[in-house]
């Protein structure tokens, strides 16, 4: 990977996402999650994706893009 955020933080897969109706709602939710403790975030991921599989392709298909 290219040096930078993804290499530094091992951000190589999408393991959780939420859709919001508006950008404002998305920003509000993002700010809310940023205040959460790491353990709470991990619990949220594991409730929805217990194996931590990469959801990128599923997200593309859901929003009408070809993988």
PDB file of N, CA and C in Angstrom:
ATOM      1  N   UNK A   1       0.827  -1.191   0.000  1.00  0.00           N
ATOM      2  CA  UNK A   1       0.000   0.000   0.000  1.00  0.00           C
ATOM      3  C   UNK A   1       0.867   1.250   0.000  1.00  0.00           C
ATOM      4  N   UNK A   2       0.270   2.321  -0.393  1.00  0.00           N
ATOM      5  CA  UNK A   2       0.942   3.614  -0.383  1.00  0.00           C
ATOM      6  C   UNK A   2       1.069   4.098   1.054  1.00  0.00           C
ATOM      7  N   UNK A   3       2.216   4.688   1.380  1.00  0.00           N
ATOM      8  CA  UNK A   3       2.388   5.246   2.713  1.00  0.00           C
ATOM      9  C   UNK A   3       1.303   6.283   2.974  1.00  0.00           C
ATOM     10  N   UNK A   4       0.754   6.229   4.154  1.00  0.00           N
ATOM     11  CA  UNK A   4      -0.298   7.176   4.514  1.00  0.00           C
ATOM     12  C   UNK A   4      -1.251   6.539   5.496  1.00  0.00           C
ATOM     13  N   UNK A   5      -2.449   7.078   5.547  1.00  0.00           N
ATOM     14  CA  UNK A   5      -3.440   6.649   6.528  1.00  0.00           C
ATOM     15  C   UNK A   5      -3.729   5.159   6.469  1.00  0.00           C
ATOM     16  N   UNK A   6      -4.023   4.630   5.272  1.00  0.00           N
ATOM     17  CA  UNK A   6      -4.427   3.226   5.174  1.00  0.00           C
ATOM     18  C   UNK A   6      -3.321   2.274   5.612  1.00  0.00           C
ATOM     19  N   UNK A   7      -2.097   2.606   5.302  1.00  0.00           N
ATOM     20  CA  UNK A   7      -0.995   1.750   5.730  1.00  0.00           C
ATOM     21  C   UNK A   7      -0.759   1.890   7.229  1.00  0.00           C
ATOM     22  N   UNK A   8      -0.795   3.100   7.706  1.00  0.00           N
ATOM     23  CA  UNK A   8      -0.506   3.371   9.110  1.00  0.00           C
ATOM     24  C   UNK A   8      -1.525   2.723  10.046  1.00  0.00           C
ATOM     25  N   UNK A   9      -2.805   2.755   9.650  1.00  0.00           N
ATOM     26  CA  UNK A   9      -3.870   2.255  10.529  1.00  0.00           C
ATOM     27  C   UNK A   9      -4.488   0.952  10.044  1.00  0.00           C
ATOM     28  N   UNK A  10      -3.858   0.289   9.109  1.00  0.00           N
ATOM     29  CA  UNK A  10      -4.335  -0.994   8.570  1.00  0.00           C
ATOM     30  C   UNK A  10      -5.772  -0.891   8.081  1.00  0.00           C
ATOM     31  N   UNK A  11      -6.107   0.207   7.450  1.00  0.00           N
ATOM     32  CA  UNK A  11      -7.473   0.442   6.973  1.00  0.00           C
ATOM     33  C   UNK A  11      -7.614  -0.109   5.561  1.00  0.00           C
ATOM     34  N   UNK A  12      -7.626  -1.416   5.439  1.00  0.00           N
ATOM     35  CA  UNK A  12      -7.674  -2.037   4.127  1.00  0.00           C
ATOM     36  C   UNK A  12      -8.995  -2.671   3.778  1.00  0.00           C
ATOM     37  N   UNK A  13      -9.983  -2.592   4.686  1.00  0.00           N
ATOM     38  CA  UNK A  13     -11.277  -3.195   4.378  1.00  0.00           C
ATOM     39  C   UNK A  13     -12.392  -2.438   5.078  1.00  0.00           C
ATOM     40  N   UNK A  14     -13.563  -2.526   4.480  1.00  0.00           N
ATOM     41  CA  UNK A  14     -14.749  -1.880   5.018  1.00  0.00           C
ATOM     42  C   UNK A  14     -15.509  -2.918   5.836  1.00  0.00           C
ATOM     43  N   UNK A  15     -15.603  -2.725   7.137  1.00  0.00           N
ATOM     44  CA  UNK A  15     -16.255  -3.724   7.990  1.00  0.00           C
ATOM     45  C   UNK A  15     -17.579  -3.239   8.565  1.00  0.00           C
ATOM     46  N   UNK A  16     -17.898  -1.938   8.399  1.00  0.00           N
ATOM     47  CA  UNK A  16     -19.154  -1.403   8.899  1.00  0.00           C
ATOM     48  C   UNK A  16     -19.508  -0.148   8.115  1.00  0.00           C
ATOM     49  N   UNK A  17     -20.777   0.023   7.845  1.00  0.00           N
ATOM     50  CA  UNK A  17     -21.241   1.261   7.230  1.00  0.00           C
ATOM     51  C   UNK A  17     -22.701   1.479   7.590  1.00  0.00           C
ATOM     52  N   UNK A  18     -23.130   2.706   7.540  1.00  0.00           N
ATOM     53  CA  UNK A  18     -24.528   3.076   7.736  1.00  0.00           C
ATOM     54  C   UNK A  18     -24.921   4.034   6.623  1.00  0.00           C
ATOM     55  N   UNK A  19     -26.152   3.942   6.190  1.00  0.00           N
ATOM     56  CA  UNK A  19     -26.701   4.893   5.223  1.00  0.00           C
ATOM     57  C   UNK A  19     -27.562   5.891   5.982  1.00  0.00           C
ATOM     58  N   UNK A  20     -27.505   7.139   5.562  1.00  0.00           N
ATOM     59  CA  UNK A  20     -28.343   8.184   6.138  1.00  0.00           C
ATOM     60  C   UNK A  20     -29.127   8.838   5.008  1.00  0.00           C
ATOM     61  N   UNK A  21     -30.270   9.413   5.330  1.00  0.00           N
ATOM     62  CA  UNK A  21     -31.099  10.054   4.315  1.00  0.00           C
ATOM     63  C   UNK A  21     -30.518  11.379   3.824  1.00  0.00           C
ATOM     64  N   UNK A  22     -29.822  12.076   4.708  1.00  0.00           N
ATOM     65  CA  UNK A  22     -29.253  13.363   4.320  1.00  0.00           C
ATOM     66  C   UNK A  22     -27.802  13.450   4.774  1.00  0.00           C
ATOM     67  N   UNK A  23     -27.058  14.350   4.152  1.00  0.00           N
ATOM     68  CA  UNK A  23     -25.667  14.569   4.543  1.00  0.00           C
ATOM     69  C   UNK A  23     -25.596  15.069   5.979  1.00  0.00           C
ATOM     70  N   UNK A  24     -26.545  15.901   6.362  1.00  0.00           N
ATOM     71  CA  UNK A  24     -26.561  16.428   7.729  1.00  0.00           C
ATOM     72  C   UNK A  24     -26.705  15.307   8.755  1.00  0.00           C
ATOM     73  N   UNK A  25     -27.588  14.349   8.463  1.00  0.00           N
ATOM     74  CA  UNK A  25     -27.754  13.202   9.358  1.00  0.00           C
ATOM     75  C   UNK A  25     -26.479  12.374   9.415  1.00  0.00           C
ATOM     76  N   UNK A  26     -25.819  12.226   8.280  1.00  0.00           N
ATOM     77  CA  UNK A  26     -24.568  11.479   8.227  1.00  0.00           C
ATOM     78  C   UNK A  26     -23.483  12.128   9.060  1.00  0.00           C
ATOM     79  N   UNK A  27     -23.365  13.440   8.960  1.00  0.00           N
ATOM     80  CA  UNK A  27     -22.361  14.174   9.739  1.00  0.00           C
ATOM     81  C   UNK A  27     -22.670  14.064  11.224  1.00  0.00           C
ATOM     82  N   UNK A  28     -23.939  14.185  11.580  1.00  0.00           N
ATOM     83  CA  UNK A  28     -24.339  14.077  12.991  1.00  0.00           C
ATOM     84  C   UNK A  28     -23.977  12.696  13.554  1.00  0.00           C
ATOM     85  N   UNK A  29     -24.276  11.641  12.779  1.00  0.00           N
ATOM     86  CA  UNK A  29     -23.980  10.272  13.224  1.00  0.00           C
ATOM     87  C   UNK A  29     -22.472  10.055  13.319  1.00  0.00           C
ATOM     88  N   UNK A  30     -21.730  10.562  12.340  1.00  0.00           N
ATOM     89  CA  UNK A  30     -20.274  10.409  12.360  1.00  0.00           C
ATOM     90  C   UNK A  30     -19.675  11.070  13.598  1.00  0.00           C
ATOM     91  N   UNK A  31     -20.146  12.262  13.926  1.00  0.00           N
ATOM     92  CA  UNK A  31     -19.652  12.951  15.125  1.00  0.00           C
ATOM     93  C   UNK A  31     -20.015  12.187  16.388  1.00  0.00           C
ATOM     94  N   UNK A  32     -21.202  11.592  16.398  1.00  0.00           N
ATOM     95  CA  UNK A  32     -21.629  10.787  17.540  1.00  0.00           C
ATOM     96  C   UNK A  32     -20.701   9.589  17.723  1.00  0.00           C
ATOM     97  N   UNK A  33     -20.422   8.876  16.637  1.00  0.00           N
ATOM     98  CA  UNK A  33     -19.565   7.698  16.720  1.00  0.00           C
ATOM     99  C   UNK A  33     -18.130   8.060  17.094  1.00  0.00           C
ATOM    100  N   UNK A  34     -17.660   9.224  16.659  1.00  0.00           N
ATOM    101  CA  UNK A  34     -16.296   9.644  17.002  1.00  0.00           C
ATOM    102  C   UNK A  34     -16.111   9.804  18.503  1.00  0.00           C
ATOM    103  N   UNK A  35     -17.179  10.123  19.224  1.00  0.00           N
ATOM    104  CA  UNK A  35     -17.093  10.286  20.676  1.00  0.00           C
ATOM    105  C   UNK A  35     -17.160   8.954  21.425  1.00  0.00           C
ATOM    106  N   UNK A  36     -17.536   7.891  20.730  1.00  0.00           N
ATOM    107  CA  UNK A  36     -17.652   6.586  21.370  1.00  0.00           C
ATOM    108  C   UNK A  36     -16.284   6.028  21.734  1.00  0.00           C
ATOM    109  N   UNK A  37     -16.279   5.196  22.759  1.00  0.00           N
ATOM    110  CA  UNK A  37     -15.071   4.449  23.111  1.00  0.00           C
ATOM    111  C   UNK A  37     -14.826   3.369  22.057  1.00  0.00           C
ATOM    112  N   UNK A  38     -13.570   2.984  21.928  1.00  0.00           N
ATOM    113  CA  UNK A  38     -13.193   1.969  20.933  1.00  0.00           C
ATOM    114  C   UNK A  38     -13.957   0.664  21.150  1.00  0.00           C
ATOM    115  N   UNK A  39     -14.119   0.252  22.393  1.00  0.00           N
ATOM    116  CA  UNK A  39     -14.829  -0.999  22.697  1.00  0.00           C
ATOM    117  C   UNK A  39     -16.272  -0.953  22.205  1.00  0.00           C
ATOM    118  N   UNK A  40     -16.919   0.205  22.309  1.00  0.00           N
ATOM    119  CA  UNK A  40     -18.295   0.341  21.831  1.00  0.00           C
ATOM    120  C   UNK A  40     -18.356   0.213  20.317  1.00  0.00           C
ATOM    121  N   UNK A  41     -17.361   0.778  19.637  1.00  0.00           N
ATOM    122  CA  UNK A  41     -17.313   0.694  18.177  1.00  0.00           C
ATOM    123  C   UNK A  41     -17.099  -0.751  17.737  1.00  0.00           C
ATOM    124  N   UNK A  42     -16.217  -1.447  18.424  1.00  0.00           N
ATOM    125  CA  UNK A  42     -15.967  -2.852  18.096  1.00  0.00           C
ATOM    126  C   UNK A  42     -17.226  -3.677  18.318  1.00  0.00           C
ATOM    127  N   UNK A  43     -17.942  -3.420  19.399  1.00  0.00           N
ATOM    128  CA  UNK A  43     -19.196  -4.130  19.664  1.00  0.00           C
ATOM    129  C   UNK A  43     -20.219  -3.868  18.561  1.00  0.00           C
ATOM    130  N   UNK A  44     -20.322  -2.626  18.099  1.00  0.00           N
ATOM    131  CA  UNK A  44     -21.237  -2.279  17.011  1.00  0.00           C
ATOM    132  C   UNK A  44     -20.882  -3.052  15.747  1.00  0.00           C
ATOM    133  N   UNK A  45     -19.601  -3.110  15.411  1.00  0.00           N
ATOM    134  CA  UNK A  45     -19.158  -3.866  14.236  1.00  0.00           C
ATOM    135  C   UNK A  45     -19.511  -5.339  14.394  1.00  0.00           C
ATOM    136  N   UNK A  46     -19.194  -5.910  15.539  1.00  0.00           N
ATOM    137  CA  UNK A  46     -19.382  -7.350  15.730  1.00  0.00           C
ATOM    138  C   UNK A  46     -20.850  -7.746  15.816  1.00  0.00           C
ATOM    139  N   UNK A  47     -21.731  -6.831  16.190  1.00  0.00           N
ATOM    140  CA  UNK A  47     -23.168  -7.128  16.169  1.00  0.00           C
ATOM    141  C   UNK A  47     -23.662  -7.298  14.733  1.00  0.00           C
ATOM    142  N   UNK A  48     -23.091  -6.521  13.825  1.00  0.00           N
ATOM    143  CA  UNK A  48     -23.540  -6.516  12.436  1.00  0.00           C
ATOM    144  C   UNK A  48     -22.668  -7.330  11.502  1.00  0.00           C
ATOM    145  N   UNK A  49     -21.423  -7.567  11.876  1.00  0.00           N
ATOM    146  CA  UNK A  49     -20.463  -8.245  11.010  1.00  0.00           C
ATOM    147  C   UNK A  49     -19.471  -9.023  11.892  1.00  0.00           C
ATOM    148  N   UNK A  50     -19.939 -10.105  12.518  1.00  0.00           N
ATOM    149  CA  UNK A  50     -19.107 -10.802  13.507  1.00  0.00           C
ATOM    150  C   UNK A  50     -17.793 -11.367  12.974  1.00  0.00           C
ATOM    151  N   UNK A  51     -17.712 -11.632  11.682  1.00  0.00           N
ATOM    152  CA  UNK A  51     -16.468 -12.172  11.121  1.00  0.00           C
ATOM    153  C   UNK A  51     -15.574 -11.085  10.537  1.00  0.00           C
ATOM    154  N   UNK A  52     -16.000  -9.849  10.614  1.00  0.00           N
ATOM    155  CA  UNK A  52     -15.247  -8.699  10.099  1.00  0.00           C
ATOM    156  C   UNK A  52     -14.932  -8.867   8.616  1.00  0.00           C
ATOM    157  N   UNK A  53     -15.872  -9.426   7.842  1.00  0.00           N
ATOM    158  CA  UNK A  53     -15.637  -9.595   6.402  1.00  0.00           C
ATOM    159  C   UNK A  53     -15.682  -8.231   5.718  1.00  0.00           C
ATOM    160  N   UNK A  54     -15.038  -8.120   4.583  1.00  0.00           N
ATOM    161  CA  UNK A  54     -14.983  -6.879   3.822  1.00  0.00           C
ATOM    162  C   UNK A  54     -16.329  -6.664   3.129  1.00  0.00           C
ATOM    163  N   UNK A  55     -16.979  -5.544   3.400  1.00  0.00           N
ATOM    164  CA  UNK A  55     -18.306  -5.251   2.874  1.00  0.00           C
ATOM    165  C   UNK A  55     -18.288  -4.363   1.634  1.00  0.00           C
ATOM    166  N   UNK A  56     -17.114  -4.013   1.145  1.00  0.00           N
ATOM    167  CA  UNK A  56     -17.003  -3.052   0.058  1.00  0.00           C
ATOM    168  C   UNK A  56     -17.835  -3.443  -1.160  1.00  0.00           C
ATOM    169  N   UNK A  57     -17.713  -4.694  -1.613  1.00  0.00           N
ATOM    170  CA  UNK A  57     -18.446  -5.141  -2.797  1.00  0.00           C
ATOM    171  C   UNK A  57     -19.947  -5.092  -2.560  1.00  0.00           C
ATOM    172  N   UNK A  58     -20.396  -5.487  -1.365  1.00  0.00           N
ATOM    173  CA  UNK A  58     -21.820  -5.448  -1.044  1.00  0.00           C
ATOM    174  C   UNK A  58     -22.361  -4.023  -1.078  1.00  0.00           C
ATOM    175  N   UNK A  59     -21.584  -3.084  -0.610  1.00  0.00           N
ATOM    176  CA  UNK A  59     -21.989  -1.679  -0.614  1.00  0.00           C
ATOM    177  C   UNK A  59     -22.096  -1.181  -2.056  1.00  0.00           C
ATOM    178  N   UNK A  60     -21.129  -1.531  -2.892  1.00  0.00           N
ATOM    179  CA  UNK A  60     -21.182  -1.127  -4.305  1.00  0.00           C
ATOM    180  C   UNK A  60     -22.463  -1.636  -4.963  1.00  0.00           C
ATOM    181  N   UNK A  61     -22.770  -2.904  -4.756  1.00  0.00           N
ATOM    182  CA  UNK A  61     -23.956  -3.505  -5.363  1.00  0.00           C
ATOM    183  C   UNK A  61     -25.229  -2.836  -4.824  1.00  0.00           C
ATOM    184  N   UNK A  62     -25.279  -2.604  -3.522  1.00  0.00           N
ATOM    185  CA  UNK A  62     -26.454  -1.988  -2.912  1.00  0.00           C
ATOM    186  C   UNK A  62     -26.747  -0.617  -3.508  1.00  0.00           C
ATOM    187  N   UNK A  63     -25.715   0.118  -3.858  1.00  0.00           N
ATOM    188  CA  UNK A  63     -25.900   1.451  -4.399  1.00  0.00           C
ATOM    189  C   UNK A  63     -25.836   1.497  -5.927  1.00  0.00           C
ATOM    190  N   UNK A  64     -25.932   0.309  -6.548  1.00  0.00           N
ATOM    191  CA  UNK A  64     -26.085   0.252  -8.000  1.00  0.00           C
ATOM    192  C   UNK A  64     -24.816   0.307  -8.821  1.00  0.00           C
ATOM    193  N   UNK A  65     -23.683   0.026  -8.210  1.00  0.00           N
ATOM    194  CA  UNK A  65     -22.417   0.026  -8.954  1.00  0.00           C
ATOM    195  C   UNK A  65     -21.974  -1.407  -9.180  1.00  0.00           C
ATOM    196  N   UNK A  66     -21.295  -1.630 -10.282  1.00  0.00           N
ATOM    197  CA  UNK A  66     -20.739  -2.950 -10.574  1.00  0.00           C
ATOM    198  C   UNK A  66     -19.394  -3.095  -9.880  1.00  0.00           C
ATOM    199  N   UNK A  67     -19.163  -4.214  -9.207  1.00  0.00           N
ATOM    200  CA  UNK A  67     -17.875  -4.401  -8.518  1.00  0.00           C
ATOM    201  C   UNK A  67     -16.729  -4.597  -9.489  1.00  0.00           C
TER     202      UNK A  67
END
